[in-house]
Protein backbone atom coordinates (compact mmCIF):
# COMPACT_ATOMS: atom_id res chain seq x y z
CA UNK A 1 0.00 0.00 0.00
CA UNK A 2 1.50 3.35 -1.03
CA UNK A 3 1.20 6.19 1.46
CA UNK A 4 0.42 9.06 -0.94
CA UNK A 5 0.62 9.50 -4.71
CA UNK A 6 3.72 11.68 -4.45
CA UNK A 7 5.42 8.98 -2.32
CA UNK A 8 4.40 6.05 -4.47
CA UNK A 9 7.67 4.18 -3.86
CA UNK A 10 7.26 4.20 -0.08
CA UNK A 11 5.18 1.26 1.12
CA UNK A 12 4.08 -0.10 4.46
CA UNK A 13 2.92 -3.68 4.76
CA UNK A 14 2.58 -5.59 8.04
CA UNK A 15 4.27 -8.64 6.49
CA UNK A 16 7.39 -6.74 5.33
CA UNK A 17 9.90 -5.53 7.93
CA UNK A 18 7.23 -5.43 10.62
CA UNK A 19 5.26 -2.69 8.89
CA UNK A 20 8.12 -0.19 8.70
CA UNK A 21 8.17 2.19 5.75
CA UNK A 22 10.03 0.42 2.96
CA UNK A 23 11.07 1.02 -0.62
CA UNK A 24 8.73 -0.54 -3.19
CA UNK A 25 7.79 -3.43 -0.89
CA UNK A 26 11.40 -4.56 -0.60
CA UNK A 27 13.17 -5.28 2.66
CA UNK A 28 14.93 -1.91 2.47
CA UNK A 29 13.58 0.55 5.02
CA UNK A 30 13.40 4.31 4.77
CA UNK A 31 15.34 4.37 8.04
CA UNK A 32 18.21 2.41 6.51
CA UNK A 33 18.49 4.84 3.61
CA UNK A 34 18.25 7.93 5.82
CA UNK A 35 20.79 6.39 8.19
CA UNK A 36 23.21 5.83 5.32
CA UNK A 37 22.89 9.47 4.22
CA UNK A 38 23.30 10.61 7.83
CA UNK A 39 26.46 8.54 8.14
CA UNK A 40 27.95 10.46 5.22
CA UNK A 41 27.31 8.06 2.37
CA UNK A 42 26.48 9.67 -0.95
CA UNK A 43 23.44 8.85 -3.05
CA UNK A 44 25.81 7.47 -5.66
CA UNK A 45 27.50 5.27 -3.05
CA UNK A 46 24.18 3.88 -1.85
CA UNK A 47 23.13 3.15 -5.43
CA UNK A 48 26.43 1.33 -6.00
CA UNK A 49 26.01 -0.71 -2.79
CA UNK A 50 22.34 -1.50 -3.50
CA UNK A 51 22.04 -1.84 -7.31
CA UNK A 52 18.35 -2.75 -7.10
CA UNK A 53 17.57 0.75 -5.75
CA UNK A 54 16.96 3.73 -7.99
CA UNK A 55 17.76 7.39 -7.37
CA UNK A 56 14.06 8.23 -6.98
CA UNK A 57 13.79 5.58 -4.23
CA UNK A 58 16.37 7.50 -2.20
CA UNK A 59 14.83 10.89 -2.94
CA UNK A 60 11.40 9.70 -1.85
CA UNK A 61 12.84 8.16 1.31
CA UNK A 62 14.36 11.53 2.18
CA UNK A 63 11.12 13.38 1.41
CA UNK A 64 9.17 10.93 3.55
CA UNK A 65 11.60 11.34 6.46
CA UNK A 66 11.41 15.13 6.15
CA UNK A 67 7.61 14.97 6.12
CA UNK A 68 7.62 12.84 9.27
CA UNK A 69 10.01 15.23 11.00
CA UNK A 70 7.69 18.15 10.23
CA UNK A 71 4.51 16.33 11.24
CA UNK A 72 5.61 15.03 14.62
CA UNK A 73 6.73 16.85 17.67
CA UNK A 74 9.82 15.10 18.98
CA UNK A 75 11.31 16.02 22.34
CA UNK A 76 15.07 16.31 22.01
CA UNK A 77 17.53 16.57 24.85
CA UNK A 78 19.05 20.02 25.42
CA UNK A 79 22.63 20.64 24.42
PDB file of N, CA and C in Angstrom:
ATOM      1  N   UNK A   1       0.845  -1.182   0.000  1.00  0.00           N
ATOM      2  CA  UNK A   1       0.000   0.000   0.000  1.00  0.00           C
ATOM      3  C   UNK A   1       0.886   1.240   0.000  1.00  0.00           C
ATOM      4  N   UNK A   2       0.746   2.097  -0.973  1.00  0.00           N
ATOM      5  CA  UNK A   2       1.504   3.349  -1.028  1.00  0.00           C
ATOM      6  C   UNK A   2       0.868   4.363  -0.089  1.00  0.00           C
ATOM      7  N   UNK A   3       1.691   5.224   0.496  1.00  0.00           N
ATOM      8  CA  UNK A   3       1.198   6.195   1.461  1.00  0.00           C
ATOM      9  C   UNK A   3       0.470   7.346   0.798  1.00  0.00           C
ATOM     10  N   UNK A   4       1.045   7.979  -0.190  1.00  0.00           N
ATOM     11  CA  UNK A   4       0.425   9.060  -0.937  1.00  0.00           C
ATOM     12  C   UNK A   4       0.903   8.965  -2.373  1.00  0.00           C
ATOM     13  N   UNK A   5       0.189   9.574  -3.310  1.00  0.00           N
ATOM     14  CA  UNK A   5       0.621   9.495  -4.712  1.00  0.00           C
ATOM     15  C   UNK A   5       2.019  10.054  -4.943  1.00  0.00           C
ATOM     16  N   UNK A   6       2.405  11.105  -4.219  1.00  0.00           N
ATOM     17  CA  UNK A   6       3.722  11.677  -4.448  1.00  0.00           C
ATOM     18  C   UNK A   6       4.826  10.881  -3.749  1.00  0.00           C
ATOM     19  N   UNK A   7       4.453   9.891  -2.953  1.00  0.00           N
ATOM     20  CA  UNK A   7       5.417   8.984  -2.321  1.00  0.00           C
ATOM     21  C   UNK A   7       5.070   7.549  -2.709  1.00  0.00           C
ATOM     22  N   UNK A   8       4.890   7.336  -3.993  1.00  0.00           N
ATOM     23  CA  UNK A   8       4.405   6.050  -4.473  1.00  0.00           C
ATOM     24  C   UNK A   8       5.419   4.921  -4.370  1.00  0.00           C
ATOM     25  N   UNK A   9       6.661   5.214  -4.033  1.00  0.00           N
ATOM     26  CA  UNK A   9       7.668   4.177  -3.858  1.00  0.00           C
ATOM     27  C   UNK A   9       7.818   3.763  -2.395  1.00  0.00           C
ATOM     28  N   UNK A  10       7.193   4.504  -1.501  1.00  0.00           N
ATOM     29  CA  UNK A  10       7.265   4.195  -0.079  1.00  0.00           C
ATOM     30  C   UNK A  10       6.036   3.368   0.284  1.00  0.00           C
ATOM     31  N   UNK A  11       6.267   2.172   0.787  1.00  0.00           N
ATOM     32  CA  UNK A  11       5.180   1.261   1.115  1.00  0.00           C
ATOM     33  C   UNK A  11       5.279   0.822   2.569  1.00  0.00           C
ATOM     34  N   UNK A  12       4.136   0.461   3.123  1.00  0.00           N
ATOM     35  CA  UNK A  12       4.079  -0.101   4.465  1.00  0.00           C
ATOM     36  C   UNK A  12       3.152  -1.294   4.424  1.00  0.00           C
ATOM     37  N   UNK A  13       3.707  -2.450   4.717  1.00  0.00           N
ATOM     38  CA  UNK A  13       2.916  -3.681   4.763  1.00  0.00           C
ATOM     39  C   UNK A  13       3.278  -4.423   6.044  1.00  0.00           C
ATOM     40  N   UNK A  14       2.293  -4.901   6.776  1.00  0.00           N
ATOM     41  CA  UNK A  14       2.579  -5.591   8.038  1.00  0.00           C
ATOM     42  C   UNK A  14       3.496  -6.799   7.872  1.00  0.00           C
ATOM     43  N   UNK A  15       3.468  -7.429   6.701  1.00  0.00           N
ATOM     44  CA  UNK A  15       4.265  -8.638   6.488  1.00  0.00           C
ATOM     45  C   UNK A  15       5.679  -8.350   5.968  1.00  0.00           C
ATOM     46  N   UNK A  16       6.039  -7.083   5.805  1.00  0.00           N
ATOM     47  CA  UNK A  16       7.390  -6.735   5.332  1.00  0.00           C
ATOM     48  C   UNK A  16       8.042  -5.825   6.374  1.00  0.00           C
ATOM     49  N   UNK A  17       9.108  -6.285   6.960  1.00  0.00           N
ATOM     50  CA  UNK A  17       9.900  -5.526   7.931  1.00  0.00           C
ATOM     51  C   UNK A  17       9.028  -4.992   9.081  1.00  0.00           C
ATOM     52  N   UNK A  18       8.064  -5.784   9.491  1.00  0.00           N
ATOM     53  CA  UNK A  18       7.227  -5.425  10.622  1.00  0.00           C
ATOM     54  C   UNK A  18       6.389  -4.180  10.424  1.00  0.00           C
ATOM     55  N   UNK A  19       6.091  -3.850   9.176  1.00  0.00           N
ATOM     56  CA  UNK A  19       5.255  -2.692   8.893  1.00  0.00           C
ATOM     57  C   UNK A  19       6.009  -1.375   8.801  1.00  0.00           C
ATOM     58  N   UNK A  20       7.337  -1.424   8.862  1.00  0.00           N
ATOM     59  CA  UNK A  20       8.116  -0.187   8.702  1.00  0.00           C
ATOM     60  C   UNK A  20       7.979   0.317   7.268  1.00  0.00           C
ATOM     61  N   UNK A  21       8.198   1.612   7.097  1.00  0.00           N
ATOM     62  CA  UNK A  21       8.173   2.193   5.749  1.00  0.00           C
ATOM     63  C   UNK A  21       9.346   1.629   4.955  1.00  0.00           C
ATOM     64  N   UNK A  22       9.024   1.068   3.804  1.00  0.00           N
ATOM     65  CA  UNK A  22      10.028   0.418   2.957  1.00  0.00           C
ATOM     66  C   UNK A  22       9.988   0.998   1.549  1.00  0.00           C
ATOM     67  N   UNK A  23      10.981   0.611   0.784  1.00  0.00           N
ATOM     68  CA  UNK A  23      11.067   1.023  -0.616  1.00  0.00           C
ATOM     69  C   UNK A  23      10.445  -0.057  -1.486  1.00  0.00           C
ATOM     70  N   UNK A  24       9.388   0.317  -2.190  1.00  0.00           N
ATOM     71  CA  UNK A  24       8.730  -0.541  -3.186  1.00  0.00           C
ATOM     72  C   UNK A  24       8.474  -1.961  -2.696  1.00  0.00           C
ATOM     73  N   UNK A  25       8.113  -2.114  -1.427  1.00  0.00           N
ATOM     74  CA  UNK A  25       7.791  -3.430  -0.893  1.00  0.00           C
ATOM     75  C   UNK A  25       8.994  -4.306  -0.626  1.00  0.00           C
ATOM     76  N   UNK A  26      10.190  -3.794  -0.859  1.00  0.00           N
ATOM     77  CA  UNK A  26      11.404  -4.556  -0.600  1.00  0.00           C
ATOM     78  C   UNK A  26      11.756  -4.482   0.884  1.00  0.00           C
ATOM     79  N   UNK A  27      12.720  -5.268   1.288  1.00  0.00           N
ATOM     80  CA  UNK A  27      13.173  -5.281   2.664  1.00  0.00           C
ATOM     81  C   UNK A  27      14.262  -4.222   2.876  1.00  0.00           C
ATOM     82  N   UNK A  28      14.037  -3.072   2.308  1.00  0.00           N
ATOM     83  CA  UNK A  28      14.926  -1.909   2.471  1.00  0.00           C
ATOM     84  C   UNK A  28      14.073  -0.815   3.095  1.00  0.00           C
ATOM     85  N   UNK A  29      14.416  -0.426   4.317  1.00  0.00           N
ATOM     86  CA  UNK A  29      13.585   0.552   5.019  1.00  0.00           C
ATOM     87  C   UNK A  29      14.038   1.978   4.719  1.00  0.00           C
ATOM     88  N   UNK A  30      13.093   2.884   4.883  1.00  0.00           N
ATOM     89  CA  UNK A  30      13.405   4.306   4.768  1.00  0.00           C
ATOM     90  C   UNK A  30      14.481   4.657   5.791  1.00  0.00           C
ATOM     91  N   UNK A  31      14.354   4.110   6.997  1.00  0.00           N
ATOM     92  CA  UNK A  31      15.339   4.372   8.045  1.00  0.00           C
ATOM     93  C   UNK A  31      16.742   3.963   7.659  1.00  0.00           C
ATOM     94  N   UNK A  32      16.884   2.850   6.954  1.00  0.00           N
ATOM     95  CA  UNK A  32      18.210   2.409   6.514  1.00  0.00           C
ATOM     96  C   UNK A  32      18.798   3.411   5.537  1.00  0.00           C
ATOM     97  N   UNK A  33      17.983   3.881   4.603  1.00  0.00           N
ATOM     98  CA  UNK A  33      18.486   4.839   3.613  1.00  0.00           C
ATOM     99  C   UNK A  33      18.858   6.157   4.283  1.00  0.00           C
ATOM    100  N   UNK A  34      17.981   6.668   5.133  1.00  0.00           N
ATOM    101  CA  UNK A  34      18.253   7.934   5.815  1.00  0.00           C
ATOM    102  C   UNK A  34      19.484   7.787   6.715  1.00  0.00           C
ATOM    103  N   UNK A  35      19.608   6.649   7.361  1.00  0.00           N
ATOM    104  CA  UNK A  35      20.785   6.395   8.191  1.00  0.00           C
ATOM    105  C   UNK A  35      22.070   6.403   7.382  1.00  0.00           C
ATOM    106  N   UNK A  36      22.036   5.839   6.199  1.00  0.00           N
ATOM    107  CA  UNK A  36      23.213   5.831   5.325  1.00  0.00           C
ATOM    108  C   UNK A  36      23.606   7.258   4.930  1.00  0.00           C
ATOM    109  N   UNK A  37      22.608   8.071   4.574  1.00  0.00           N
ATOM    110  CA  UNK A  37      22.887   9.466   4.222  1.00  0.00           C
ATOM    111  C   UNK A  37      23.445  10.195   5.438  1.00  0.00           C
ATOM    112  N   UNK A  38      22.835   9.973   6.604  1.00  0.00           N
ATOM    113  CA  UNK A  38      23.301  10.615   7.827  1.00  0.00           C
ATOM    114  C   UNK A  38      24.705  10.217   8.224  1.00  0.00           C
ATOM    115  N   UNK A  39      25.116   9.023   7.836  1.00  0.00           N
ATOM    116  CA  UNK A  39      26.461   8.543   8.135  1.00  0.00           C
ATOM    117  C   UNK A  39      27.490   9.060   7.133  1.00  0.00           C
ATOM    118  N   UNK A  40      27.022   9.856   6.162  1.00  0.00           N
ATOM    119  CA  UNK A  40      27.954  10.458   5.221  1.00  0.00           C
ATOM    120  C   UNK A  40      28.070   9.766   3.880  1.00  0.00           C
ATOM    121  N   UNK A  41      27.268   8.737   3.659  1.00  0.00           N
ATOM    122  CA  UNK A  41      27.305   8.055   2.367  1.00  0.00           C
ATOM    123  C   UNK A  41      26.588   8.908   1.320  1.00  0.00           C
ATOM    124  N   UNK A  42      27.100   8.909   0.132  1.00  0.00           N
ATOM    125  CA  UNK A  42      26.481   9.672  -0.948  1.00  0.00           C
ATOM    126  C   UNK A  42      25.368   8.851  -1.590  1.00  0.00           C
ATOM    127  N   UNK A  43      24.491   9.538  -2.294  1.00  0.00           N
ATOM    128  CA  UNK A  43      23.445   8.847  -3.050  1.00  0.00           C
ATOM    129  C   UNK A  43      24.089   7.881  -4.030  1.00  0.00           C
ATOM    130  N   UNK A  44      25.131   8.334  -4.693  1.00  0.00           N
ATOM    131  CA  UNK A  44      25.814   7.467  -5.663  1.00  0.00           C
ATOM    132  C   UNK A  44      26.397   6.228  -4.991  1.00  0.00           C
ATOM    133  N   UNK A  45      26.942   6.407  -3.781  1.00  0.00           N
ATOM    134  CA  UNK A  45      27.502   5.273  -3.048  1.00  0.00           C
ATOM    135  C   UNK A  45      26.430   4.272  -2.650  1.00  0.00           C
ATOM    136  N   UNK A  46      25.278   4.766  -2.218  1.00  0.00           N
ATOM    137  CA  UNK A  46      24.177   3.877  -1.853  1.00  0.00           C
ATOM    138  C   UNK A  46      23.692   3.119  -3.077  1.00  0.00           C
ATOM    139  N   UNK A  47      23.570   3.810  -4.191  1.00  0.00           N
ATOM    140  CA  UNK A  47      23.132   3.150  -5.426  1.00  0.00           C
ATOM    141  C   UNK A  47      24.133   2.083  -5.865  1.00  0.00           C
ATOM    142  N   UNK A  48      25.415   2.323  -5.651  1.00  0.00           N
ATOM    143  CA  UNK A  48      26.429   1.327  -5.997  1.00  0.00           C
ATOM    144  C   UNK A  48      26.346   0.120  -5.066  1.00  0.00           C
ATOM    145  N   UNK A  49      26.092   0.373  -3.775  1.00  0.00           N
ATOM    146  CA  UNK A  49      26.008  -0.712  -2.794  1.00  0.00           C
ATOM    147  C   UNK A  49      24.715  -1.518  -2.914  1.00  0.00           C
ATOM    148  N   UNK A  50      23.655  -0.874  -3.374  1.00  0.00           N
ATOM    149  CA  UNK A  50      22.342  -1.505  -3.505  1.00  0.00           C
ATOM    150  C   UNK A  50      21.848  -1.303  -4.935  1.00  0.00           C
ATOM    151  N   UNK A  51      22.356  -2.085  -5.885  1.00  0.00           N
ATOM    152  CA  UNK A  51      22.044  -1.844  -7.305  1.00  0.00           C
ATOM    153  C   UNK A  51      20.569  -1.996  -7.672  1.00  0.00           C
ATOM    154  N   UNK A  52      19.774  -2.595  -6.819  1.00  0.00           N
ATOM    155  CA  UNK A  52      18.348  -2.749  -7.095  1.00  0.00           C
ATOM    156  C   UNK A  52      17.555  -1.501  -6.706  1.00  0.00           C
ATOM    157  N   UNK A  53      18.215  -0.528  -6.054  1.00  0.00           N
ATOM    158  CA  UNK A  53      17.575   0.747  -5.749  1.00  0.00           C
ATOM    159  C   UNK A  53      17.758   1.722  -6.903  1.00  0.00           C
ATOM    160  N   UNK A  54      16.873   2.678  -6.992  1.00  0.00           N
ATOM    161  CA  UNK A  54      16.960   3.735  -7.994  1.00  0.00           C
ATOM    162  C   UNK A  54      17.050   5.079  -7.280  1.00  0.00           C
ATOM    163  N   UNK A  55      17.580   6.060  -7.962  1.00  0.00           N
ATOM    164  CA  UNK A  55      17.756   7.390  -7.373  1.00  0.00           C
ATOM    165  C   UNK A  55      16.439   7.919  -6.779  1.00  0.00           C
ATOM    166  N   UNK A  56      15.341   7.736  -7.475  1.00  0.00           N
ATOM    167  CA  UNK A  56      14.062   8.230  -6.975  1.00  0.00           C
ATOM    168  C   UNK A  56      13.643   7.519  -5.691  1.00  0.00           C
ATOM    169  N   UNK A  57      14.062   6.271  -5.496  1.00  0.00           N
ATOM    170  CA  UNK A  57      13.794   5.581  -4.230  1.00  0.00           C
ATOM    171  C   UNK A  57      14.420   6.355  -3.066  1.00  0.00           C
ATOM    172  N   UNK A  58      15.658   6.774  -3.247  1.00  0.00           N
ATOM    173  CA  UNK A  58      16.368   7.495  -2.199  1.00  0.00           C
ATOM    174  C   UNK A  58      15.765   8.874  -1.986  1.00  0.00           C
ATOM    175  N   UNK A  59      15.426   9.556  -3.071  1.00  0.00           N
ATOM    176  CA  UNK A  59      14.834  10.890  -2.939  1.00  0.00           C
ATOM    177  C   UNK A  59      13.486  10.818  -2.216  1.00  0.00           C
ATOM    178  N   UNK A  60      12.674   9.822  -2.535  1.00  0.00           N
ATOM    179  CA  UNK A  60      11.396   9.700  -1.854  1.00  0.00           C
ATOM    180  C   UNK A  60      11.575   9.315  -0.386  1.00  0.00           C
ATOM    181  N   UNK A  61      12.574   8.502  -0.085  1.00  0.00           N
ATOM    182  CA  UNK A  61      12.842   8.159   1.311  1.00  0.00           C
ATOM    183  C   UNK A  61      13.195   9.412   2.102  1.00  0.00           C
ATOM    184  N   UNK A  62      13.996  10.289   1.511  1.00  0.00           N
ATOM    185  CA  UNK A  62      14.364  11.533   2.185  1.00  0.00           C
ATOM    186  C   UNK A  62      13.166  12.464   2.332  1.00  0.00           C
ATOM    187  N   UNK A  63      12.323  12.546   1.308  1.00  0.00           N
ATOM    188  CA  UNK A  63      11.123  13.377   1.410  1.00  0.00           C
ATOM    189  C   UNK A  63      10.168  12.840   2.472  1.00  0.00           C
ATOM    190  N   UNK A  64      10.033  11.539   2.547  1.00  0.00           N
ATOM    191  CA  UNK A  64       9.167  10.935   3.551  1.00  0.00           C
ATOM    192  C   UNK A  64       9.703  11.223   4.955  1.00  0.00           C
ATOM    193  N   UNK A  65      10.997  11.067   5.152  1.00  0.00           N
ATOM    194  CA  UNK A  65      11.599  11.336   6.462  1.00  0.00           C
ATOM    195  C   UNK A  65      11.431  12.807   6.840  1.00  0.00           C
ATOM    196  N   UNK A  66      11.590  13.704   5.883  1.00  0.00           N
ATOM    197  CA  UNK A  66      11.411  15.133   6.150  1.00  0.00           C
ATOM    198  C   UNK A  66       9.959  15.420   6.513  1.00  0.00           C
ATOM    199  N   UNK A  67       9.026  14.796   5.824  1.00  0.00           N
ATOM    200  CA  UNK A  67       7.608  14.975   6.120  1.00  0.00           C
ATOM    201  C   UNK A  67       7.304  14.500   7.534  1.00  0.00           C
ATOM    202  N   UNK A  68       7.839  13.349   7.915  1.00  0.00           N
ATOM    203  CA  UNK A  68       7.623  12.844   9.272  1.00  0.00           C
ATOM    204  C   UNK A  68       8.204  13.788  10.319  1.00  0.00           C
ATOM    205  N   UNK A  69       9.366  14.324  10.044  1.00  0.00           N
ATOM    206  CA  UNK A  69      10.006  15.233  10.997  1.00  0.00           C
ATOM    207  C   UNK A  69       9.182  16.499  11.176  1.00  0.00           C
ATOM    208  N   UNK A  70       8.515  16.956  10.145  1.00  0.00           N
ATOM    209  CA  UNK A  70       7.685  18.149  10.234  1.00  0.00           C
ATOM    210  C   UNK A  70       6.344  17.871  10.896  1.00  0.00           C
ATOM    211  N   UNK A  71       5.840  16.658  10.757  1.00  0.00           N
ATOM    212  CA  UNK A  71       4.513  16.328  11.245  1.00  0.00           C
ATOM    213  C   UNK A  71       4.483  15.916  12.710  1.00  0.00           C
ATOM    214  N   UNK A  72       5.597  15.513  13.252  1.00  0.00           N
ATOM    215  CA  UNK A  72       5.607  15.030  14.616  1.00  0.00           C
ATOM    216  C   UNK A  72       6.438  15.917  15.496  1.00  0.00           C
ATOM    217  N   UNK A  73       5.950  16.112  16.691  1.00  0.00           N
ATOM    218  CA  UNK A  73       6.728  16.848  17.674  1.00  0.00           C
ATOM    219  C   UNK A  73       7.594  15.821  18.414  1.00  0.00           C
ATOM    220  N   UNK A  74       8.893  16.015  18.341  1.00  0.00           N
ATOM    221  CA  UNK A  74       9.824  15.104  18.983  1.00  0.00           C
ATOM    222  C   UNK A  74      10.579  15.882  20.043  1.00  0.00           C
ATOM    223  N   UNK A  75      10.587  15.368  21.252  1.00  0.00           N
ATOM    224  CA  UNK A  75      11.305  16.023  22.343  1.00  0.00           C
ATOM    225  C   UNK A  75      12.766  15.585  22.256  1.00  0.00           C
ATOM    226  N   UNK A  76      13.635  16.573  22.086  1.00  0.00           N
ATOM    227  CA  UNK A  76      15.067  16.312  22.009  1.00  0.00           C
ATOM    228  C   UNK A  76      15.739  16.793  23.276  1.00  0.00           C
ATOM    229  N   UNK A  77      16.813  16.136  23.643  1.00  0.00           N
ATOM    230  CA  UNK A  77      17.533  16.574  24.846  1.00  0.00           C
ATOM    231  C   UNK A  77      18.236  17.887  24.566  1.00  0.00           C
ATOM    232  N   UNK A  78      18.365  18.735  25.582  1.00  0.00           N
ATOM    233  CA  UNK A  78      19.046  20.015  25.422  1.00  0.00           C
ATOM    234  C   UNK A  78      20.540  19.818  25.289  1.00  0.00           C
ATOM    235  N   UNK A  79      21.178  20.746  24.622  1.00  0.00           N
ATOM    236  CA  UNK A  79      22.628  20.636  24.417  1.00  0.00           C
ATOM    237  C   UNK A  79      23.385  21.228  25.565  1.00  0.00           C
TER     238      UNK A  79
END
